[in-house]
Amino acid sequence: MKRSKALTKWGLFIILSFIWGSSFELMKIGLFENHDLSKPILTSWQVAALRLVSAGLVVLPFIAFARRKVPPKDMGYVALSGVLGSFFPAFLFTIAETKIDGAFAGALNSLTPVFVILIAFLFFRKKIAPKAYLGIGIAFIGSALLFYFTWKGHGASSLGDISFAWYCVLATAFYGLNVNMVNKVLSGTHPVAIGVIAFATLLIPAAVVLYFTGYFNLPLGESKYIIATVASVVLGIFGTTLASVLFYYLIQKAGYLFASMVTYGIPFIAQFWGWVNGEHVDIYRILGLLIILGGIYLATQVKKEEQQ
């Protein structure tokens, strides 16, 4: 029984790391033909909107179930969770990937736990142990080195492009704010129901964005638009809806601390896809990533020790 439980949780860990780590590659497929920045297909707004529309459509059959699980007084918070945890980050990451590569974006995504801790301290009055401060500092040093090594790898002329990485950092800040908000006001609410209602709430605004960005006026029958659309839809169904459900299931089976370790697997899958597609992935970038992860480990270990 114990072996079966261990296989289940590690199997889910690997699946989630692969799905979320591959999300940055799917964004790139939706944005550019053959990863060539001179051959754009869909805009960043269209890729993100397609992702959210797909996620919303998939959860519609489960709305009745979700409404029974979420008290009416919490509906506003659930909708806010969708905006903070899905809507803004979806657009921010695709905007960033119009100028930076997916491997770089995937590495910066690992800053999410740092912002979870920082925002808990700054806005939710949570105490932070001295060791956590050290971990956060190390993680930010790693991110600074990651910026520097990426800039040096692409040449000084790309400094303006590298600045788009701040959209990724802002997205992780929204993730951190959402985690704290959910923990504060929705901790007793069914987690899958939160996801269902949050994604369904975003369906209409995402569809409006898709319409007004001219997606339906494109020659959608051409192969490159079909590929880009399929990549964006797969991103929504698997990278948003399915992954969220599996993540909640992993929390229930293995606990939040183990589930949060997915943070360590995602960037390495993103680096793998970057390497496969000829993006600039070298030992210096991996070094910066490892420093970030080391800082995250140190900061989150404090939380684990406090819970024991």
Protein backbone atom coordinates (compact mmCIF):
# COMPACT_ATOMS: atom_id res chain seq x y z
CA MET A 1 0.00 0.00 0.00
CA LYS A 2 2.78 2.43 0.94
CA ARG A 3 4.64 1.61 -2.27
CA SER A 4 1.49 2.21 -4.32
CA LYS A 5 0.94 5.58 -2.60
CA ALA A 6 4.55 6.58 -3.23
CA LEU A 7 4.30 5.62 -6.90
CA THR A 8 1.08 7.63 -7.22
CA LYS A 9 2.46 10.82 -5.73
CA TRP A 10 5.76 10.65 -7.62
CA GLY A 11 3.90 9.79 -10.81
CA LEU A 12 1.72 12.87 -10.38
CA PHE A 13 4.83 14.93 -9.59
CA ILE A 14 6.46 13.89 -12.88
CA ILE A 15 3.29 14.42 -14.91
CA LEU A 16 2.71 17.89 -13.46
CA SER A 17 6.34 18.90 -13.94
CA PHE A 18 6.13 17.81 -17.59
CA ILE A 19 2.77 19.50 -18.28
CA TRP A 20 3.62 22.83 -16.65
CA GLY A 21 7.21 22.76 -17.85
CA SER A 22 5.99 22.22 -21.42
CA SER A 23 3.55 25.14 -21.19
CA PHE A 24 6.25 27.64 -22.12
CA GLU A 25 7.01 25.64 -25.27
CA LEU A 26 3.33 25.58 -26.24
CA MET A 27 3.15 29.36 -25.88
CA LYS A 28 6.07 29.68 -28.28
CA ILE A 29 4.40 27.36 -30.82
CA GLY A 30 1.29 29.52 -30.66
CA LEU A 31 3.25 32.74 -31.11
CA PHE A 32 5.79 31.93 -33.82
CA GLU A 33 6.26 29.63 -36.79
CA ASN A 34 9.14 27.22 -36.11
CA HIS A 35 10.31 29.41 -33.19
CA ASP A 36 11.33 32.09 -35.68
CA LEU A 37 10.68 35.51 -34.11
CA SER A 38 10.48 37.02 -37.59
CA LYS A 39 7.48 34.80 -38.41
CA PRO A 40 4.70 35.63 -35.91
CA ILE A 41 1.43 33.73 -36.12
CA LEU A 42 -0.92 34.65 -33.26
CA THR A 43 -0.47 37.64 -30.97
CA SER A 44 0.30 37.22 -27.28
CA TRP A 45 -3.25 38.35 -26.48
CA GLN A 46 -4.75 35.73 -28.79
CA VAL A 47 -2.67 32.85 -27.41
CA ALA A 48 -3.56 33.74 -23.82
CA ALA A 49 -7.23 34.27 -24.66
CA LEU A 50 -7.43 30.93 -26.49
CA ARG A 51 -5.84 29.26 -23.48
CA LEU A 52 -8.43 30.74 -21.09
CA VAL A 53 -11.40 30.14 -23.39
CA SER A 54 -10.39 26.48 -23.73
CA ALA A 55 -10.00 26.10 -19.97
CA GLY A 56 -13.40 27.72 -19.41
CA LEU A 57 -15.20 25.53 -21.93
CA VAL A 58 -13.75 22.34 -20.44
CA VAL A 59 -15.07 23.10 -16.93
CA LEU A 60 -18.58 24.20 -17.98
CA PRO A 61 -20.13 20.70 -17.48
CA PHE A 62 -18.98 20.80 -13.83
CA ILE A 63 -20.45 24.18 -12.92
CA ALA A 64 -23.49 22.72 -11.13
CA PHE A 65 -21.23 20.56 -8.95
CA ALA A 66 -18.94 23.49 -8.19
CA ARG A 67 -21.77 25.86 -7.24
CA ARG A 68 -22.96 23.38 -4.61
CA LYS A 69 -19.47 23.31 -3.09
CA VAL A 70 -18.84 27.07 -2.97
CA PRO A 71 -20.92 29.24 -0.60
CA PRO A 72 -22.50 32.31 -2.30
CA LYS A 73 -20.50 34.63 -0.02
CA ASP A 74 -17.26 33.22 -1.46
CA MET A 75 -18.13 33.56 -5.15
CA GLY A 76 -16.52 36.99 -5.43
CA TYR A 77 -13.28 35.72 -3.94
CA VAL A 78 -13.28 32.72 -6.30
CA ALA A 79 -13.72 35.03 -9.30
CA LEU A 80 -10.88 37.22 -7.97
CA SER A 81 -8.72 34.11 -7.64
CA GLY A 82 -9.30 33.39 -11.33
CA VAL A 83 -8.20 36.90 -12.28
CA LEU A 84 -5.09 36.90 -10.06
CA GLY A 85 -4.01 33.29 -10.56
CA SER A 86 -4.93 32.70 -14.21
CA PHE A 87 -6.07 35.74 -16.20
CA PHE A 88 -3.23 38.20 -15.57
CA PRO A 89 -0.42 35.58 -15.56
CA ALA A 90 -1.64 34.01 -18.82
CA PHE A 91 -1.29 37.32 -20.65
CA LEU A 92 1.90 38.40 -18.88
CA PHE A 93 3.77 35.20 -19.77
CA THR A 94 2.75 35.28 -23.44
CA ILE A 95 3.69 38.97 -23.73
CA ALA A 96 7.09 38.11 -22.22
CA GLU A 97 7.63 35.24 -24.66
CA THR A 98 7.31 37.55 -27.65
CA LYS A 99 10.82 38.73 -26.75
CA ILE A 100 12.42 36.11 -24.48
CA ASP A 101 12.70 32.36 -24.92
CA GLY A 102 10.56 29.76 -23.19
CA ALA A 103 13.43 28.30 -21.18
CA PHE A 104 14.15 31.70 -19.62
CA ALA A 105 10.45 32.23 -18.82
CA GLY A 106 10.27 28.76 -17.27
CA ALA A 107 13.26 29.49 -15.05
CA LEU A 108 11.74 32.76 -13.82
CA ASN A 109 8.48 30.95 -13.03
CA SER A 110 10.40 29.28 -10.18
CA LEU A 111 10.28 32.59 -8.27
CA THR A 112 6.63 31.92 -7.34
CA PRO A 113 7.35 30.49 -3.83
CA VAL A 114 9.52 33.51 -3.06
CA PHE A 115 6.62 35.85 -3.75
CA VAL A 116 4.26 33.61 -1.77
CA ILE A 117 6.46 34.19 1.30
CA LEU A 118 7.15 37.88 0.64
CA ILE A 119 3.49 38.77 0.07
CA ALA A 120 2.47 36.77 3.15
CA PHE A 121 4.83 38.97 5.16
CA LEU A 122 4.07 42.32 3.50
CA PHE A 123 0.29 42.15 3.14
CA PHE A 124 -0.97 39.28 5.32
CA ARG A 125 1.14 39.95 8.44
CA LYS A 126 2.79 36.56 8.50
CA LYS A 127 6.07 36.26 10.37
CA ILE A 128 9.21 35.29 8.47
CA ALA A 129 12.08 33.47 10.16
CA PRO A 130 15.63 34.82 9.62
CA LYS A 131 16.56 31.74 7.58
CA ALA A 132 13.69 32.52 5.20
CA TYR A 133 15.08 36.01 4.61
CA LEU A 134 18.38 34.40 3.66
CA GLY A 135 16.64 32.01 1.27
CA ILE A 136 14.70 34.85 -0.38
CA GLY A 137 17.90 36.86 -0.76
CA ILE A 138 19.70 33.92 -2.36
CA ALA A 139 16.78 33.36 -4.76
CA PHE A 140 16.86 36.98 -5.89
CA ILE A 141 20.64 36.83 -6.36
CA GLY A 142 20.06 33.76 -8.54
CA SER A 143 17.44 35.62 -10.58
CA ALA A 144 19.79 38.60 -11.04
CA LEU A 145 22.49 36.23 -12.28
CA LEU A 146 19.95 34.56 -14.56
CA PHE A 147 19.14 37.96 -16.11
CA TYR A 148 22.83 38.73 -16.51
CA PHE A 149 23.81 35.39 -18.04
CA THR A 150 20.85 35.50 -20.43
CA TRP A 151 21.73 39.04 -21.50
CA LYS A 152 25.39 38.10 -22.05
CA GLY A 153 24.36 35.00 -23.96
CA HIS A 154 22.27 37.02 -26.40
CA GLY A 155 24.53 40.04 -26.67
CA ALA A 156 24.19 43.62 -25.41
CA SER A 157 21.81 44.55 -28.24
CA SER A 158 19.11 42.40 -26.65
CA LEU A 159 18.97 44.36 -23.38
CA GLY A 160 15.56 45.80 -24.31
CA ASP A 161 14.25 42.32 -25.05
CA ILE A 162 15.55 40.96 -21.75
CA SER A 163 13.49 43.63 -19.99
CA PHE A 164 10.39 41.69 -21.06
CA ALA A 165 11.38 39.10 -18.45
CA TRP A 166 9.88 41.46 -15.87
CA TYR A 167 6.46 40.44 -17.16
CA CYS A 168 7.29 36.92 -15.92
CA VAL A 169 8.37 38.28 -12.54
CA LEU A 170 5.11 40.24 -12.28
CA ALA A 171 3.16 37.09 -13.18
CA THR A 172 4.83 35.15 -10.35
CA ALA A 173 3.94 38.01 -7.99
CA PHE A 174 0.29 37.58 -8.99
CA TYR A 175 0.63 33.84 -8.32
CA GLY A 176 2.01 34.63 -4.87
CA LEU A 177 -0.82 37.06 -4.13
CA ASN A 178 -3.42 34.53 -5.27
CA VAL A 179 -2.01 31.72 -3.10
CA ASN A 180 -2.14 33.95 -0.03
CA MET A 181 -5.63 35.21 -0.80
CA VAL A 182 -6.96 31.66 -1.32
CA ASN A 183 -5.24 30.50 1.89
CA LYS A 184 -6.73 33.45 3.78
CA VAL A 185 -10.37 33.39 2.69
CA LEU A 186 -10.95 30.13 0.78
CA SER A 187 -9.00 27.55 2.78
CA GLY A 188 -12.19 25.66 3.68
CA THR A 189 -13.63 25.65 0.15
CA HIS A 190 -13.43 22.63 -2.15
CA PRO A 191 -10.23 23.23 -4.20
CA VAL A 192 -11.50 21.70 -7.46
CA ALA A 193 -14.69 23.74 -7.21
CA ILE A 194 -12.59 26.90 -6.88
CA GLY A 195 -10.77 26.02 -10.11
CA VAL A 196 -13.97 25.19 -12.00
CA ILE A 197 -15.74 28.44 -11.10
CA ALA A 198 -12.59 30.54 -11.54
CA PHE A 199 -11.95 29.22 -15.07
CA ALA A 200 -15.62 29.47 -16.04
CA THR A 201 -15.69 33.10 -14.84
CA LEU A 202 -12.84 33.94 -17.21
CA LEU A 203 -14.55 32.43 -20.25
CA ILE A 204 -16.50 35.52 -21.29
CA PRO A 205 -13.76 38.16 -20.82
CA ALA A 206 -11.26 35.91 -22.61
CA ALA A 207 -13.70 35.38 -25.49
CA VAL A 208 -14.17 39.16 -25.73
CA VAL A 209 -10.39 39.63 -25.95
CA LEU A 210 -10.21 36.94 -28.63
CA TYR A 211 -12.92 38.64 -30.69
CA PHE A 212 -11.57 42.19 -30.48
CA THR A 213 -8.00 41.14 -31.29
CA GLY A 214 -9.23 39.92 -34.68
CA TYR A 215 -8.64 36.21 -34.19
CA PHE A 216 -11.76 35.19 -36.10
CA ASN A 217 -10.73 37.32 -39.08
CA LEU A 218 -7.52 35.33 -39.57
CA PRO A 219 -7.17 32.64 -42.28
CA LEU A 220 -7.68 29.92 -39.68
CA GLY A 221 -7.71 27.17 -42.29
CA GLU A 222 -3.99 27.65 -43.02
CA SER A 223 -1.75 25.04 -41.46
CA LYS A 224 0.32 27.47 -39.38
CA TYR A 225 -2.82 28.92 -37.78
CA ILE A 226 -4.19 25.44 -37.11
CA ILE A 227 -0.95 24.44 -35.37
CA ALA A 228 -0.85 27.66 -33.35
CA THR A 229 -4.51 27.30 -32.34
CA VAL A 230 -4.13 23.65 -31.35
CA ALA A 231 -1.06 24.49 -29.25
CA SER A 232 -2.99 27.25 -27.45
CA VAL A 233 -6.01 25.00 -26.88
CA VAL A 234 -3.83 22.16 -25.55
CA LEU A 235 -2.21 24.74 -23.28
CA GLY A 236 -5.62 25.61 -21.88
CA ILE A 237 -6.97 22.07 -21.51
CA PHE A 238 -3.85 20.40 -20.18
CA GLY A 239 -1.64 23.21 -18.91
CA THR A 240 -4.47 24.98 -17.08
CA THR A 241 -7.49 22.76 -16.37
CA LEU A 242 -6.09 19.23 -16.12
CA ALA A 243 -2.89 20.31 -14.38
CA SER A 244 -4.86 22.27 -11.78
CA VAL A 245 -7.08 19.27 -10.99
CA LEU A 246 -4.05 16.96 -10.73
CA PHE A 247 -2.29 19.47 -8.50
CA TYR A 248 -5.26 19.64 -6.11
CA TYR A 249 -5.39 15.83 -6.11
CA LEU A 250 -1.67 15.68 -5.30
CA ILE A 251 -2.20 18.07 -2.38
CA GLN A 252 -4.90 15.77 -1.01
CA LYS A 253 -2.78 12.63 -1.44
CA ALA A 254 0.67 13.89 -0.45
CA GLY A 255 0.15 17.23 1.31
CA TYR A 256 0.87 20.80 0.24
CA LEU A 257 4.59 20.68 1.04
CA PHE A 258 5.25 17.75 -1.29
CA ALA A 259 2.98 19.22 -3.97
CA SER A 260 4.87 22.51 -3.83
CA MET A 261 8.04 20.65 -4.84
CA VAL A 262 6.69 20.68 -8.40
CA THR A 263 8.29 24.13 -8.48
CA TYR A 264 11.66 22.38 -8.71
CA GLY A 265 10.70 20.18 -11.66
CA ILE A 266 9.00 22.73 -13.94
CA PRO A 267 12.03 24.87 -14.88
CA PHE A 268 14.16 21.88 -15.83
CA ILE A 269 11.49 20.62 -18.24
CA ALA A 270 11.35 24.15 -19.68
CA GLN A 271 15.15 24.13 -20.09
CA PHE A 272 14.95 20.76 -21.84
CA TRP A 273 12.44 22.07 -24.40
CA GLY A 274 14.54 25.18 -24.86
CA TRP A 275 17.60 23.07 -25.59
CA VAL A 276 15.64 20.88 -28.03
CA ASN A 277 14.51 23.96 -29.95
CA GLY A 278 17.91 25.62 -30.10
CA GLU A 279 17.31 28.27 -27.46
CA HIS A 280 20.26 29.65 -25.54
CA VAL A 281 20.59 27.21 -22.63
CA ASP A 282 24.07 26.94 -21.13
CA ILE A 283 25.75 26.01 -17.86
CA TYR A 284 25.64 29.62 -16.62
CA ARG A 285 21.87 29.82 -16.97
CA ILE A 286 21.53 26.47 -15.20
CA LEU A 287 23.77 27.85 -12.43
CA GLY A 288 21.49 30.86 -11.96
CA LEU A 289 18.47 28.54 -11.87
CA LEU A 290 20.10 26.27 -9.28
CA ILE A 291 20.84 29.28 -7.06
CA ILE A 292 17.19 30.34 -7.25
CA LEU A 293 16.03 26.83 -6.36
CA GLY A 294 18.54 26.64 -3.52
CA GLY A 295 17.16 29.86 -2.07
CA ILE A 296 13.59 28.58 -2.43
CA TYR A 297 14.52 25.33 -0.71
CA LEU A 298 16.07 27.21 2.22
CA ALA A 299 13.08 29.55 2.56
CA THR A 300 10.44 26.81 2.36
CA GLN A 301 12.33 24.49 4.73
CA VAL A 302 11.69 27.05 7.45
CA LYS A 303 7.98 26.70 6.90
CA LYS A 304 8.28 22.91 7.01
CA GLU A 305 10.21 22.99 10.28
CA GLU A 306 7.64 25.30 11.85
CA GLN A 307 4.86 22.87 10.97
CA GLN A 308 6.58 19.90 12.62
